[in-house]
N, C-alpha and C. Protein backbone atom coordinates (compact mmCIF):
# COMPACT_ATOMS: atom_id res chain seq x y z
N UNK A 1 78.60 253.90 162.69
CA UNK A 1 78.20 254.49 162.11
C UNK A 1 77.67 255.13 160.52
N UNK A 2 76.43 255.94 160.13
CA UNK A 2 76.30 256.21 159.12
C UNK A 2 76.99 257.36 158.08
N UNK A 3 77.44 258.24 159.37
CA UNK A 3 78.65 259.01 158.21
C UNK A 3 79.65 259.13 158.59
N UNK A 4 80.77 259.85 158.53
CA UNK A 4 81.81 260.36 159.32
C UNK A 4 81.77 261.78 159.92
N UNK A 5 81.58 261.27 161.77
CA UNK A 5 81.81 262.51 162.34
C UNK A 5 82.08 263.83 161.92
N UNK A 6 81.87 264.99 163.15
CA UNK A 6 82.50 266.20 162.96
C UNK A 6 83.01 266.48 163.96
N UNK A 7 83.08 265.21 165.36
CA UNK A 7 84.01 265.69 166.54
C UNK A 7 84.08 264.39 167.18
N UNK A 8 85.37 263.88 167.91
CA UNK A 8 85.46 262.89 168.46
C UNK A 8 85.43 263.25 169.69
N UNK A 9 84.66 262.74 170.99
CA UNK A 9 84.27 263.14 172.37
C UNK A 9 84.84 261.96 172.73
N UNK A 10 85.68 262.08 173.57
CA UNK A 10 86.87 260.75 174.26
C UNK A 10 86.10 260.58 175.82
N UNK A 11 86.09 260.18 176.63
CA UNK A 11 86.03 259.82 177.60
C UNK A 11 87.45 259.89 178.21
N UNK A 12 87.72 259.71 179.42
CA UNK A 12 89.38 259.89 179.92
C UNK A 12 89.83 258.45 180.71
N UNK A 13 89.05 258.32 182.12
CA UNK A 13 89.83 256.81 182.73
C UNK A 13 89.15 255.71 182.13
N UNK A 14 90.26 255.22 181.57
CA UNK A 14 90.09 254.13 180.94
C UNK A 14 90.06 254.03 179.53
N UNK A 15 89.81 255.09 179.23
CA UNK A 15 90.30 255.24 177.72
C UNK A 15 91.37 256.16 177.16
N UNK A 16 91.62 257.47 177.56
CA UNK A 16 92.73 258.02 177.52
C UNK A 16 93.86 257.65 178.54
N UNK A 17 93.43 257.37 179.56
CA UNK A 17 94.57 256.99 180.84
C UNK A 17 94.30 255.72 181.33
N UNK A 18 95.44 255.42 181.78
CA UNK A 18 95.02 253.51 182.36
C UNK A 18 94.90 253.87 183.90
N UNK A 19 93.75 254.79 184.64
CA UNK A 19 93.77 254.90 185.64
C UNK A 19 92.74 254.36 186.76
N UNK A 20 91.67 253.52 186.18
CA UNK A 20 90.40 252.81 186.16
C UNK A 20 91.45 251.95 187.46
N UNK A 21 92.46 251.00 186.99
CA UNK A 21 92.57 250.01 187.49
C UNK A 21 93.68 250.56 189.26
N UNK A 22 93.78 251.49 188.85
CA UNK A 22 94.58 252.30 190.07
C UNK A 22 93.73 252.79 191.37
N UNK A 23 92.40 253.59 190.75
CA UNK A 23 91.55 254.12 191.29
C UNK A 23 90.78 252.59 191.87
N UNK A 24 90.47 251.81 191.35
CA UNK A 24 89.72 250.39 191.99
C UNK A 24 90.42 249.46 192.90
N UNK A 25 91.38 249.62 193.06
CA UNK A 25 92.12 248.79 193.78
C UNK A 25 92.32 249.90 195.34
N UNK A 26 92.38 251.26 195.35
CA UNK A 26 92.85 252.21 196.45
C UNK A 26 90.82 252.17 197.00
N UNK A 27 90.15 252.44 196.00
CA UNK A 27 88.93 252.46 196.41
C UNK A 27 88.07 251.32 197.16
N UNK A 28 88.42 250.42 196.26
CA UNK A 28 88.24 248.99 197.10
C UNK A 28 88.62 248.41 198.55
N UNK A 29 90.18 248.95 198.29
CA UNK A 29 90.33 248.61 200.19
C UNK A 29 90.03 249.67 200.77
N UNK A 30 89.74 251.09 200.97
CA UNK A 30 89.15 251.61 201.76
C UNK A 30 87.81 251.70 202.13
N UNK A 31 87.06 251.12 201.00
CA UNK A 31 85.59 251.04 201.24
C UNK A 31 85.44 249.75 202.29
N UNK A 32 86.66 248.56 201.95
CA UNK A 32 86.53 247.46 202.50
C UNK A 32 86.66 248.27 204.18
N UNK A 33 87.76 248.59 204.43
CA UNK A 33 88.54 249.01 205.14
C UNK A 33 87.34 249.95 206.53
N UNK A 34 86.28 250.40 205.63
CA UNK A 34 85.47 251.34 206.13
C UNK A 34 83.73 250.28 206.63
N UNK A 35 83.89 249.42 206.20
CA UNK A 35 82.66 248.14 206.18
C UNK A 35 81.95 248.02 205.06
N UNK A 36 82.51 248.20 203.83
CA UNK A 36 81.48 247.87 202.83
C UNK A 36 82.79 247.03 202.12
N UNK A 37 82.77 245.46 202.46
CA UNK A 37 84.20 244.61 201.56
C UNK A 37 83.57 244.25 200.00
N UNK A 38 84.56 244.81 199.48
CA UNK A 38 84.33 244.53 197.83
C UNK A 38 85.93 244.49 197.69
N UNK A 39 86.51 243.74 196.47
CA UNK A 39 87.46 243.66 196.14
C UNK A 39 87.76 244.41 194.63
N UNK A 40 89.06 244.91 194.05
CA UNK A 40 88.86 245.94 193.30
C UNK A 40 88.15 245.36 191.85
N UNK A 41 88.23 244.28 191.12
CA UNK A 41 87.69 243.69 189.85
C UNK A 41 85.67 243.51 190.58
N UNK A 42 85.43 243.30 191.66
CA UNK A 42 84.11 243.48 191.78
C UNK A 42 83.74 244.88 191.75
N UNK A 43 84.63 246.05 192.17
CA UNK A 43 84.53 247.34 192.30
C UNK A 43 84.30 248.11 191.22
N UNK A 44 85.69 247.83 189.98
CA UNK A 44 85.24 247.86 188.63
C UNK A 44 84.06 247.64 188.12
N UNK A 45 83.91 246.11 188.13
CA UNK A 45 82.40 245.99 187.69
C UNK A 45 81.24 246.78 188.11
N UNK A 46 81.46 247.11 189.14
CA UNK A 46 79.91 248.19 190.08
C UNK A 46 79.86 249.38 189.65
N UNK A 47 80.92 249.88 189.80
CA UNK A 47 81.25 251.39 189.91
C UNK A 47 81.75 252.38 188.78
N UNK A 48 82.49 251.64 187.97
CA UNK A 48 83.11 252.45 187.05
C UNK A 48 82.29 253.07 185.98
N UNK A 49 82.43 254.40 185.92
CA UNK A 49 82.22 255.26 184.90
C UNK A 49 80.74 255.71 185.92
N UNK A 50 81.37 255.96 187.01
CA UNK A 50 80.19 256.66 187.91
C UNK A 50 80.52 257.49 188.99
N UNK A 51 80.43 258.64 189.25
CA UNK A 51 81.43 259.57 189.70
C UNK A 51 81.46 259.06 191.19
N UNK A 52 82.66 259.55 191.81
CA UNK A 52 83.53 259.19 193.06
C UNK A 52 82.07 259.72 194.15
N UNK A 53 81.48 260.93 194.34
CA UNK A 53 80.14 260.92 194.89
C UNK A 53 78.80 260.19 194.65
N UNK A 54 78.89 259.60 193.93
CA UNK A 54 77.83 258.85 193.64
C UNK A 54 77.80 257.24 193.84
N UNK A 55 79.20 256.55 193.76
CA UNK A 55 79.69 255.87 194.06
C UNK A 55 79.10 255.62 195.83
N UNK A 56 80.26 256.67 196.68
CA UNK A 56 79.76 256.74 198.08
C UNK A 56 77.94 256.67 198.32
N UNK A 57 77.87 257.39 197.54
CA UNK A 57 76.13 257.27 197.86
C UNK A 57 75.26 255.63 197.54
N UNK A 58 75.66 255.44 196.74
CA UNK A 58 74.84 253.80 196.34
C UNK A 58 75.89 252.83 197.47
N UNK A 59 76.73 252.89 197.85
CA UNK A 59 77.06 251.82 198.90
C UNK A 59 76.99 252.12 200.07
N UNK A 60 76.85 253.70 200.81
CA UNK A 60 76.13 253.95 201.82
C UNK A 60 74.51 253.61 202.20
N UNK A 61 74.19 254.04 201.05
CA UNK A 61 72.70 253.25 201.24
C UNK A 61 72.68 251.72 201.05
N UNK A 62 73.58 250.99 200.41
CA UNK A 62 73.42 249.55 200.48
C UNK A 62 73.93 249.13 201.92
N UNK A 63 75.06 249.78 202.58
CA UNK A 63 75.34 249.71 204.02
C UNK A 63 74.21 250.06 205.12
N UNK A 64 73.23 250.85 204.61
CA UNK A 64 72.51 251.21 205.60
C UNK A 64 73.10 252.43 206.69
N UNK A 65 73.88 252.88 206.46
CA UNK A 65 74.70 254.15 207.31
C UNK A 65 75.40 254.66 206.35
N UNK A 66 75.90 256.49 206.38
CA UNK A 66 76.66 257.21 205.98
C UNK A 66 78.35 256.64 205.73
N UNK A 67 79.01 256.92 205.00
CA UNK A 67 80.19 256.85 204.82
C UNK A 67 81.39 257.31 205.91
N UNK A 68 81.90 257.05 206.89
CA UNK A 68 82.65 258.06 207.40
C UNK A 68 83.62 259.17 206.66
N UNK A 69 83.66 260.28 206.93
CA UNK A 69 84.16 261.49 206.11
C UNK A 69 85.24 261.23 205.57
N UNK A 70 86.42 260.30 206.78
CA UNK A 70 87.71 260.30 206.50
C UNK A 70 87.68 259.21 205.78
N UNK A 71 86.68 258.44 205.05
CA UNK A 71 87.27 257.74 203.58
C UNK A 71 87.74 258.86 202.68
N UNK A 72 86.76 259.69 202.35
CA UNK A 72 87.12 260.13 201.03
C UNK A 72 88.29 260.90 201.37
N UNK A 73 88.89 261.26 202.62
CA UNK A 73 90.17 261.94 203.16
C UNK A 73 91.50 260.57 202.58
N UNK A 74 91.16 259.68 202.91
CA UNK A 74 92.12 258.85 203.08
C UNK A 74 91.88 257.83 201.20
N UNK A 75 91.28 257.90 200.93
CA UNK A 75 91.20 258.15 199.61
C UNK A 75 92.08 258.95 198.67
N UNK A 76 91.71 260.46 198.55
CA UNK A 76 92.44 261.22 197.94
C UNK A 76 93.69 261.46 198.48
N UNK A 77 94.34 260.97 199.63
CA UNK A 77 95.60 261.28 200.00
C UNK A 77 96.39 260.20 199.27
N UNK A 78 95.71 258.71 199.15
CA UNK A 78 96.36 257.48 198.19
C UNK A 78 96.20 258.32 196.83
N UNK A 79 95.06 258.65 196.44
CA UNK A 79 95.29 259.06 195.22
C UNK A 79 96.93 259.91 194.63
N UNK A 80 96.41 261.01 195.78
CA UNK A 80 97.82 262.29 195.70
C UNK A 80 99.22 261.48 195.48
N UNK A 81 99.33 260.37 196.27
CA UNK A 81 100.81 259.48 196.37
C UNK A 81 101.00 258.31 195.06
N UNK A 82 99.62 257.80 194.89
CA UNK A 82 100.25 256.91 193.93
C UNK A 82 99.87 257.58 192.59
N UNK A 83 98.84 258.59 192.02
CA UNK A 83 99.03 258.97 190.65
C UNK A 83 99.70 259.61 189.77
N UNK A 84 100.71 259.93 190.73
CA UNK A 84 101.76 260.65 190.13
C UNK A 84 102.93 259.85 189.49
N UNK A 85 102.87 258.86 190.59
CA UNK A 85 104.20 257.60 190.21
C UNK A 85 103.54 256.77 189.13
N UNK A 86 102.31 256.58 189.21
CA UNK A 86 101.94 255.01 188.44
C UNK A 86 101.36 255.27 187.05
N UNK A 87 100.38 256.49 187.11
CA UNK A 87 99.38 256.76 186.43
C UNK A 87 99.94 256.80 184.84
N UNK A 88 99.66 256.29 184.04
CA UNK A 88 100.30 256.41 182.30
C UNK A 88 99.36 256.70 181.16
N UNK A 89 99.39 256.86 180.31
CA UNK A 89 98.61 256.96 179.22
C UNK A 89 98.12 255.78 178.59
N UNK A 90 96.55 255.37 178.08
CA UNK A 90 96.62 254.35 177.31
C UNK A 90 98.01 253.80 176.41
N UNK A 91 98.21 252.97 175.97
CA UNK A 91 99.19 252.41 175.06
C UNK A 91 98.25 252.88 173.59
N UNK A 92 99.60 253.36 172.86
CA UNK A 92 99.00 253.96 171.55
C UNK A 92 97.90 255.09 171.58
N UNK A 93 97.72 255.54 172.76
CA UNK A 93 96.90 256.99 172.54
C UNK A 93 97.28 258.15 171.81
N UNK A 94 98.32 258.34 172.62
CA UNK A 94 99.02 259.83 171.93
C UNK A 94 99.30 259.86 170.36
N UNK A 95 99.73 258.71 169.97
CA UNK A 95 100.20 258.81 168.27
C UNK A 95 98.52 258.59 167.57
N UNK A 96 97.53 257.63 167.88
CA UNK A 96 96.48 258.13 167.73
C UNK A 96 95.98 259.38 167.65
N UNK A 97 96.10 260.30 168.64
CA UNK A 97 95.43 261.46 168.88
C UNK A 97 96.19 262.53 167.85
N UNK A 98 97.90 262.21 167.34
CA UNK A 98 97.87 262.92 166.58
C UNK A 98 97.57 262.86 165.42
N UNK A 99 96.94 261.84 165.01
CA UNK A 99 96.30 261.93 163.42
C UNK A 99 95.11 261.87 163.08
N UNK A 100 94.21 262.02 164.27
CA UNK A 100 92.97 262.71 164.12
C UNK A 100 92.73 263.71 163.27
N UNK A 101 92.11 263.84 162.41
CA UNK A 101 91.99 264.79 161.44
C UNK A 101 90.60 265.81 161.65
N UNK A 102 90.17 265.71 162.97
CA UNK A 102 89.09 266.56 163.31
C UNK A 102 88.85 267.29 164.54
N UNK A 103 88.03 268.26 164.72
CA UNK A 103 88.47 268.18 166.68
C UNK A 103 87.93 267.52 167.63
N UNK A 104 88.82 267.36 168.72
CA UNK A 104 88.81 266.19 169.91
C UNK A 104 88.26 267.11 171.00
N UNK A 105 88.00 266.26 172.32
CA UNK A 105 88.00 266.79 173.33
C UNK A 105 87.38 265.82 174.51
N UNK A 106 87.44 265.92 175.60
CA UNK A 106 87.34 264.69 176.96
C UNK A 106 85.82 265.23 177.22
N UNK A 107 85.03 264.05 177.96
CA UNK A 107 83.59 264.60 178.67
C UNK A 107 84.09 263.46 179.52
N UNK A 108 84.39 263.93 180.76
CA UNK A 108 84.57 262.71 181.53
C UNK A 108 83.47 263.20 183.17
N UNK A 109 83.10 262.39 183.98
CA UNK A 109 82.51 262.48 185.17
C UNK A 109 83.54 262.66 186.29
N UNK A 110 84.68 262.93 186.00
CA UNK A 110 85.66 263.34 187.08
C UNK A 110 85.81 264.42 187.01
N UNK A 111 86.01 265.25 188.64
CA UNK A 111 85.62 266.80 189.24
C UNK A 111 86.98 267.15 188.00
N UNK A 112 86.37 268.52 187.88
CA UNK A 112 87.53 269.07 187.14
C UNK A 112 88.91 269.20 186.82
N UNK A 113 89.11 269.85 188.37
CA UNK A 113 90.53 270.28 189.04
C UNK A 113 91.87 268.35 188.46
N UNK A 114 90.63 267.47 189.07
CA UNK A 114 91.30 266.01 189.02
C UNK A 114 91.55 265.61 187.34
N UNK A 115 90.66 265.57 186.88
CA UNK A 115 90.59 265.28 185.39
C UNK A 115 91.66 266.31 184.77
N UNK A 116 91.91 267.23 185.07
CA UNK A 116 92.93 268.35 184.08
C UNK A 116 94.42 267.55 184.54
N UNK A 117 94.33 267.27 186.00
CA UNK A 117 95.90 266.78 186.67
C UNK A 117 96.00 265.24 186.16
N UNK A 118 95.01 264.63 186.10
CA UNK A 118 95.34 263.15 185.53
C UNK A 118 95.90 263.24 183.90
N UNK A 119 95.40 264.27 183.42
CA UNK A 119 95.75 264.27 181.69
C UNK A 119 96.85 265.03 181.71
N UNK A 120 97.30 265.78 182.57
CA UNK A 120 98.47 266.69 182.78
C UNK A 120 99.48 265.67 183.15
N UNK A 121 99.35 264.44 184.32
CA UNK A 121 100.39 263.81 184.98
C UNK A 121 100.50 262.78 183.28
N UNK A 122 99.61 262.52 182.67
CA UNK A 122 99.72 260.94 181.39
C UNK A 122 100.35 262.03 180.58
N UNK A 123 100.50 263.34 180.20
CA UNK A 123 101.00 264.08 179.01
C UNK A 123 100.11 263.98 178.07
N UNK A 124 98.87 264.26 178.33
CA UNK A 124 97.81 264.65 177.42
C UNK A 124 96.84 265.90 177.44
N UNK A 125 97.10 266.45 178.32
CA UNK A 125 96.64 267.35 178.56
C UNK A 125 96.71 268.76 177.33
N UNK A 126 97.88 269.03 177.05
CA UNK A 126 98.04 269.90 176.01
C UNK A 126 97.26 269.52 174.45
N UNK A 127 96.87 268.63 174.31
CA UNK A 127 96.43 267.82 173.10
C UNK A 127 94.60 267.85 172.95
N UNK A 128 94.47 268.62 174.30
CA UNK A 128 92.92 268.98 174.40
C UNK A 128 92.68 270.13 174.69
N UNK A 129 93.09 270.45 175.33
CA UNK A 129 93.31 271.83 176.57
C UNK A 129 92.88 273.31 175.15
N UNK A 130 91.46 273.77 175.47
CA UNK A 130 90.98 273.92 176.78
C UNK A 130 89.86 273.08 177.07
N UNK A 131 89.97 272.30 175.86
CA UNK A 131 88.33 271.12 175.88
C UNK A 131 88.27 269.79 176.43
N UNK A 132 88.33 269.98 177.79
CA UNK A 132 87.76 269.39 178.94
C UNK A 132 86.93 269.56 179.63
N UNK A 133 85.93 268.52 179.87
CA UNK A 133 84.61 269.02 179.96
C UNK A 133 84.48 267.61 181.35
N UNK A 134 83.80 268.13 182.50
CA UNK A 134 83.43 267.57 183.57
C UNK A 134 82.26 267.78 183.65
N UNK A 135 82.09 266.68 184.64
CA UNK A 135 80.52 266.59 184.97
C UNK A 135 79.96 267.42 185.56
N UNK A 136 81.34 268.44 186.37
CA UNK A 136 80.83 269.27 187.40
C UNK A 136 80.14 270.57 186.44
N UNK A 137 80.18 270.33 185.46
CA UNK A 137 80.10 271.50 184.73
C UNK A 137 78.41 271.80 184.20
N UNK A 138 78.08 270.67 184.38
CA UNK A 138 76.66 270.35 183.95
C UNK A 138 76.09 270.06 185.27
N UNK A 139 74.59 269.83 184.71
CA UNK A 139 73.71 269.53 186.25
C UNK A 139 73.82 267.92 186.41
N UNK A 140 73.85 267.45 185.77
CA UNK A 140 73.67 266.09 185.58
C UNK A 140 74.61 265.52 184.92
N UNK A 141 75.71 264.29 185.50
CA UNK A 141 76.65 263.67 184.79
C UNK A 141 76.20 262.21 184.58
N UNK A 142 77.00 261.66 183.70
CA UNK A 142 76.65 260.20 183.50
C UNK A 142 76.13 259.52 184.19
N UNK A 143 74.87 258.87 183.99
CA UNK A 143 74.44 258.47 182.22
C UNK A 143 73.57 259.15 181.82
N UNK A 144 73.49 260.99 182.50
CA UNK A 144 72.24 261.94 181.89
C UNK A 144 73.20 261.95 180.32
N UNK A 145 72.59 262.48 179.34
CA UNK A 145 73.55 263.26 178.30
C UNK A 145 74.20 264.63 178.16
N UNK A 146 73.45 265.18 179.07
CA UNK A 146 73.78 266.57 179.73
C UNK A 146 75.73 266.37 179.42
N UNK A 147 76.37 266.21 179.72
CA UNK A 147 77.45 266.56 179.82
C UNK A 147 78.20 266.14 177.82
N UNK A 148 77.71 265.19 177.28
CA UNK A 148 78.30 265.16 175.89
C UNK A 148 77.29 266.20 175.23
N UNK A 149 76.26 266.85 175.62
CA UNK A 149 75.46 268.02 174.87
C UNK A 149 76.51 269.13 174.66
N UNK A 150 76.87 269.28 176.33
CA UNK A 150 77.64 270.66 176.84
C UNK A 150 78.93 270.50 175.42
N UNK A 151 79.58 269.20 175.27
CA UNK A 151 80.58 269.34 174.53
C UNK A 151 80.06 269.24 173.50
N UNK A 152 79.13 268.88 172.79
CA UNK A 152 79.16 269.20 171.32
C UNK A 152 78.61 270.44 171.26
N UNK A 153 77.96 271.02 172.23
CA UNK A 153 77.39 272.52 171.89
C UNK A 153 78.68 273.43 171.60
N UNK A 154 79.97 273.25 172.41
CA UNK A 154 80.82 274.31 172.51
C UNK A 154 81.58 274.13 171.14
N UNK A 155 81.46 273.18 170.10
CA UNK A 155 81.79 272.80 168.67
C UNK A 155 80.40 273.50 167.81
N UNK A 156 79.39 273.47 167.89
CA UNK A 156 78.49 273.81 167.52
C UNK A 156 78.45 272.60 166.32
N UNK A 157 78.39 271.45 167.29
CA UNK A 157 77.89 270.17 165.94
C UNK A 157 76.86 269.49 166.85
N UNK A 158 76.18 269.12 165.73
CA UNK A 158 75.10 268.31 166.34
C UNK A 158 75.26 267.27 167.20
N UNK A 159 74.45 266.55 167.53
CA UNK A 159 75.07 265.26 168.47
C UNK A 159 75.25 264.14 167.44
N UNK A 160 74.40 264.10 166.51
CA UNK A 160 74.53 262.88 165.32
C UNK A 160 75.50 262.95 164.72
N UNK A 161 76.58 264.34 164.78
CA UNK A 161 77.43 264.40 164.09
C UNK A 161 78.71 264.22 165.14
N UNK A 162 78.67 263.65 166.45
CA UNK A 162 80.10 263.32 167.21
C UNK A 162 80.16 261.88 166.77
N UNK A 163 81.15 261.61 167.37
CA UNK A 163 81.34 260.03 167.78
C UNK A 163 81.92 260.05 169.48
N UNK A 164 81.50 259.29 169.98
CA UNK A 164 81.98 258.93 171.20
C UNK A 164 82.66 258.19 171.49
N UNK A 165 83.69 257.83 172.71
CA UNK A 165 84.66 256.61 172.93
C UNK A 165 84.88 256.54 174.24
N UNK A 166 84.05 255.48 174.48
CA UNK A 166 83.79 255.19 176.24
C UNK A 166 84.00 253.49 176.67
N UNK A 167 84.48 253.54 177.70
CA UNK A 167 84.32 252.46 178.42
C UNK A 167 83.76 251.65 179.64
N UNK A 168 82.60 252.16 179.71
CA UNK A 168 81.49 252.05 181.02
C UNK A 168 79.98 251.68 180.31
N UNK A 169 79.65 251.30 180.63
CA UNK A 169 78.28 250.95 179.98
C UNK A 169 77.36 252.98 180.71
N UNK A 170 77.85 252.98 181.65
CA UNK A 170 77.30 254.23 182.34
C UNK A 170 77.30 255.01 180.96
N UNK A 171 78.81 255.24 180.61
CA UNK A 171 79.19 256.19 179.38
C UNK A 171 78.51 255.96 178.14
N UNK A 172 78.01 254.78 177.86
CA UNK A 172 77.81 254.50 176.84
C UNK A 172 76.04 255.23 176.54
N UNK A 173 75.51 254.34 178.07
CA UNK A 173 74.21 255.01 177.69
C UNK A 173 74.19 256.05 177.41
N UNK A 174 74.73 257.38 178.49
CA UNK A 174 74.91 258.80 178.39
C UNK A 174 74.81 259.34 177.13
N UNK A 175 75.96 258.69 175.96
CA UNK A 175 76.17 258.88 174.30
C UNK A 175 74.81 258.35 173.75
N UNK A 176 74.15 257.46 173.89
CA UNK A 176 73.03 256.99 173.43
C UNK A 176 71.88 257.69 173.43
N UNK A 177 71.57 258.28 174.72
CA UNK A 177 70.61 259.20 175.45
C UNK A 177 70.82 260.83 174.80
N UNK A 178 72.14 260.55 174.39
CA UNK A 178 72.42 262.08 173.79
C UNK A 178 71.92 261.95 172.28
N UNK A 179 71.79 260.98 172.23
CA UNK A 179 71.69 261.23 170.04
C UNK A 179 73.16 260.58 169.32
N UNK A 180 73.83 260.46 169.95
CA UNK A 180 75.64 260.47 169.68
C UNK A 180 75.74 258.73 169.36
N UNK A 181 76.52 258.66 168.35
CA UNK A 181 77.05 257.44 168.15
C UNK A 181 78.01 256.87 168.77
N UNK A 182 78.44 255.49 169.62
CA UNK A 182 79.40 255.19 170.34
C UNK A 182 80.35 253.93 170.19
N UNK A 183 81.56 254.43 170.42
CA UNK A 183 82.57 253.01 170.38
C UNK A 183 82.91 252.86 171.56
N UNK A 184 82.78 251.37 172.13
CA UNK A 184 82.94 251.00 173.15
C UNK A 184 84.62 250.84 173.30
N UNK A 185 85.07 250.68 174.20
CA UNK A 185 86.38 250.18 174.34
C UNK A 185 86.90 249.56 175.41
N UNK A 186 87.71 248.43 175.58
CA UNK A 186 87.71 247.57 176.67
C UNK A 186 89.43 247.34 176.71
N UNK A 187 90.12 248.25 176.58
CA UNK A 187 91.83 248.33 176.46
C UNK A 187 92.36 248.66 177.70
N UNK A 188 91.49 248.91 178.56
CA UNK A 188 92.26 249.39 179.91
C UNK A 188 92.98 248.37 181.06
N UNK A 189 93.58 248.15 181.38
CA UNK A 189 93.99 246.84 182.16
C UNK A 189 92.78 246.79 183.28
N UNK A 190 91.79 247.64 183.82
CA UNK A 190 90.52 247.33 184.27
C UNK A 190 89.26 246.04 184.15
N UNK A 191 89.91 246.22 182.42
CA UNK A 191 88.31 245.90 182.12
C UNK A 191 88.42 244.20 182.34
N UNK A 192 87.36 243.90 182.31
CA UNK A 192 86.92 242.41 182.41
C UNK A 192 86.19 241.50 181.24
N UNK A 193 86.20 240.07 181.24
CA UNK A 193 85.73 239.79 180.03
C UNK A 193 84.63 239.43 179.30
N UNK A 194 83.38 240.23 179.92
CA UNK A 194 82.27 240.27 179.33
C UNK A 194 81.99 241.91 179.04
N UNK A 195 82.80 242.56 179.22
CA UNK A 195 82.73 244.24 179.38
C UNK A 195 82.24 244.43 177.97
N UNK A 196 83.29 243.70 176.98
CA UNK A 196 82.59 244.26 175.39
C UNK A 196 81.37 243.83 174.96
N UNK A 197 80.95 243.16 175.47
CA UNK A 197 79.14 242.23 175.26
C UNK A 197 78.45 243.69 176.05
N UNK A 198 78.97 243.61 176.95
CA UNK A 198 77.92 245.04 177.94
C UNK A 198 77.94 246.06 177.15
N UNK A 199 78.76 246.72 176.83
CA UNK A 199 78.63 247.63 176.01
C UNK A 199 78.21 247.74 174.63
N UNK A 200 78.12 246.94 173.90
CA UNK A 200 77.21 246.35 172.87
C UNK A 200 75.77 246.27 173.06
N UNK A 201 75.33 245.76 174.51
CA UNK A 201 73.81 246.01 174.70
C UNK A 201 73.59 246.97 175.31
N UNK A 202 74.36 247.93 176.01
CA UNK A 202 74.24 249.16 176.41
C UNK A 202 73.83 250.59 174.54
N UNK A 203 74.51 249.57 173.95
CA UNK A 203 73.83 250.77 172.60
C UNK A 203 75.35 250.94 171.63
N UNK A 204 76.87 250.77 172.45
CA UNK A 204 77.98 250.76 171.49
C UNK A 204 77.78 250.18 169.82
N UNK A 205 78.35 250.78 169.18
CA UNK A 205 77.96 250.10 167.58
C UNK A 205 78.80 249.11 167.04
N UNK A 206 79.84 249.23 168.11
CA UNK A 206 81.08 248.05 167.99
C UNK A 206 82.22 248.59 169.34
N UNK A 207 82.98 247.42 169.22
CA UNK A 207 83.86 247.55 170.00
C UNK A 207 85.14 247.31 169.85
N UNK A 208 86.49 248.27 170.38
CA UNK A 208 87.80 247.97 170.13
C UNK A 208 88.80 247.74 171.18
N UNK A 209 89.53 246.92 171.40
CA UNK A 209 90.19 246.17 172.58
C UNK A 209 91.66 246.80 172.54
N UNK A 210 91.94 247.71 171.73
CA UNK A 210 93.07 248.45 171.44
C UNK A 210 92.88 249.56 171.00
N UNK A 211 94.04 250.73 170.85
CA UNK A 211 93.98 251.50 170.10
C UNK A 211 94.03 251.45 168.52
N UNK A 212 94.99 250.34 168.13
CA UNK A 212 95.17 249.67 166.68
C UNK A 212 93.47 249.81 166.24
N UNK A 213 92.69 249.37 167.29
CA UNK A 213 91.24 248.75 166.78
C UNK A 213 90.74 250.01 166.24
N UNK A 214 90.85 251.76 167.12
CA UNK A 214 90.21 252.83 167.35
C UNK A 214 90.61 253.10 166.05
N UNK A 215 91.52 253.13 165.82
CA UNK A 215 92.66 253.48 164.86
C UNK A 215 91.98 252.84 163.17
N UNK A 216 91.44 251.66 163.11
CA UNK A 216 90.86 251.06 162.11
C UNK A 216 89.44 251.52 161.93
N UNK A 217 88.73 252.22 163.22
CA UNK A 217 87.41 252.37 162.95
C UNK A 217 87.32 253.89 162.47
N UNK A 218 88.62 254.88 162.82
CA UNK A 218 88.49 256.01 162.43
C UNK A 218 89.08 256.26 160.88
N UNK A 219 89.98 255.14 160.49
CA UNK A 219 90.30 255.23 159.39
C UNK A 219 89.45 255.23 158.22
N UNK A 220 88.61 253.98 158.51
CA UNK A 220 87.72 253.79 157.62
C UNK A 220 86.49 254.57 157.50
N UNK A 221 86.41 255.86 158.31
CA UNK A 221 85.80 256.89 158.72
C UNK A 221 86.34 258.15 158.18
N UNK A 222 87.74 257.69 157.73
CA UNK A 222 88.23 259.15 156.72
C UNK A 222 88.70 260.42 157.95
N UNK A 223 89.11 259.60 159.14
CA UNK A 223 89.26 260.79 159.88
C UNK A 223 90.93 260.68 160.31
N UNK A 224 91.78 259.84 159.95
CA UNK A 224 92.86 260.33 160.23
C UNK A 224 93.45 261.16 159.13
N UNK A 225 94.75 261.99 159.58
CA UNK A 225 95.25 262.66 158.84
C UNK A 225 96.82 261.95 157.77
N UNK A 226 96.97 262.11 156.89
CA UNK A 226 98.28 261.57 156.41
C UNK A 226 99.39 261.40 157.05
């Protein structure tokens, strides 16, 4: 960052909430059951940051046939059972949010209702509401820049005055396309060893492994309240 931003835009899954490890396990098992064999680690590497609808589209194209409709139904049923019981906020994120001295928002490819549901379960919705933005609100989700530009517009902040925090190359690419500096994050349980380097290659100016690392970046930029 060349200067302190006026808005921090957080991705949700894998940055605010430790959900990717849960979703990847469920999705991998149901995709395998439907004839697309894949394990949770491979699923994370290939599809993290991509919307579920787009993931289905990519996998169906590779299989050469559509997925049965019941795949999405089974995934949704399992998510409805698992998420309320096992979803947690990323360690340290709540205390970090309490200290950020400028506006914050969420911008995620997740559908609006599920995005808000996840944040509520993790105890974070009140910290952002009403500034919770889903790709369903724009013409194109990540990796297009539309969602990040939409978020910045709600605060009347120029793209270059935003800081994005992202855990996927798809999200980093979207921030770069929007003209926003982006900090990579590899603190989710789903992250693999090479992800940090991949985020840097995609355009992240630095990579944080923990919320303490994010704290250090924000502290250097003078964005933390005393």
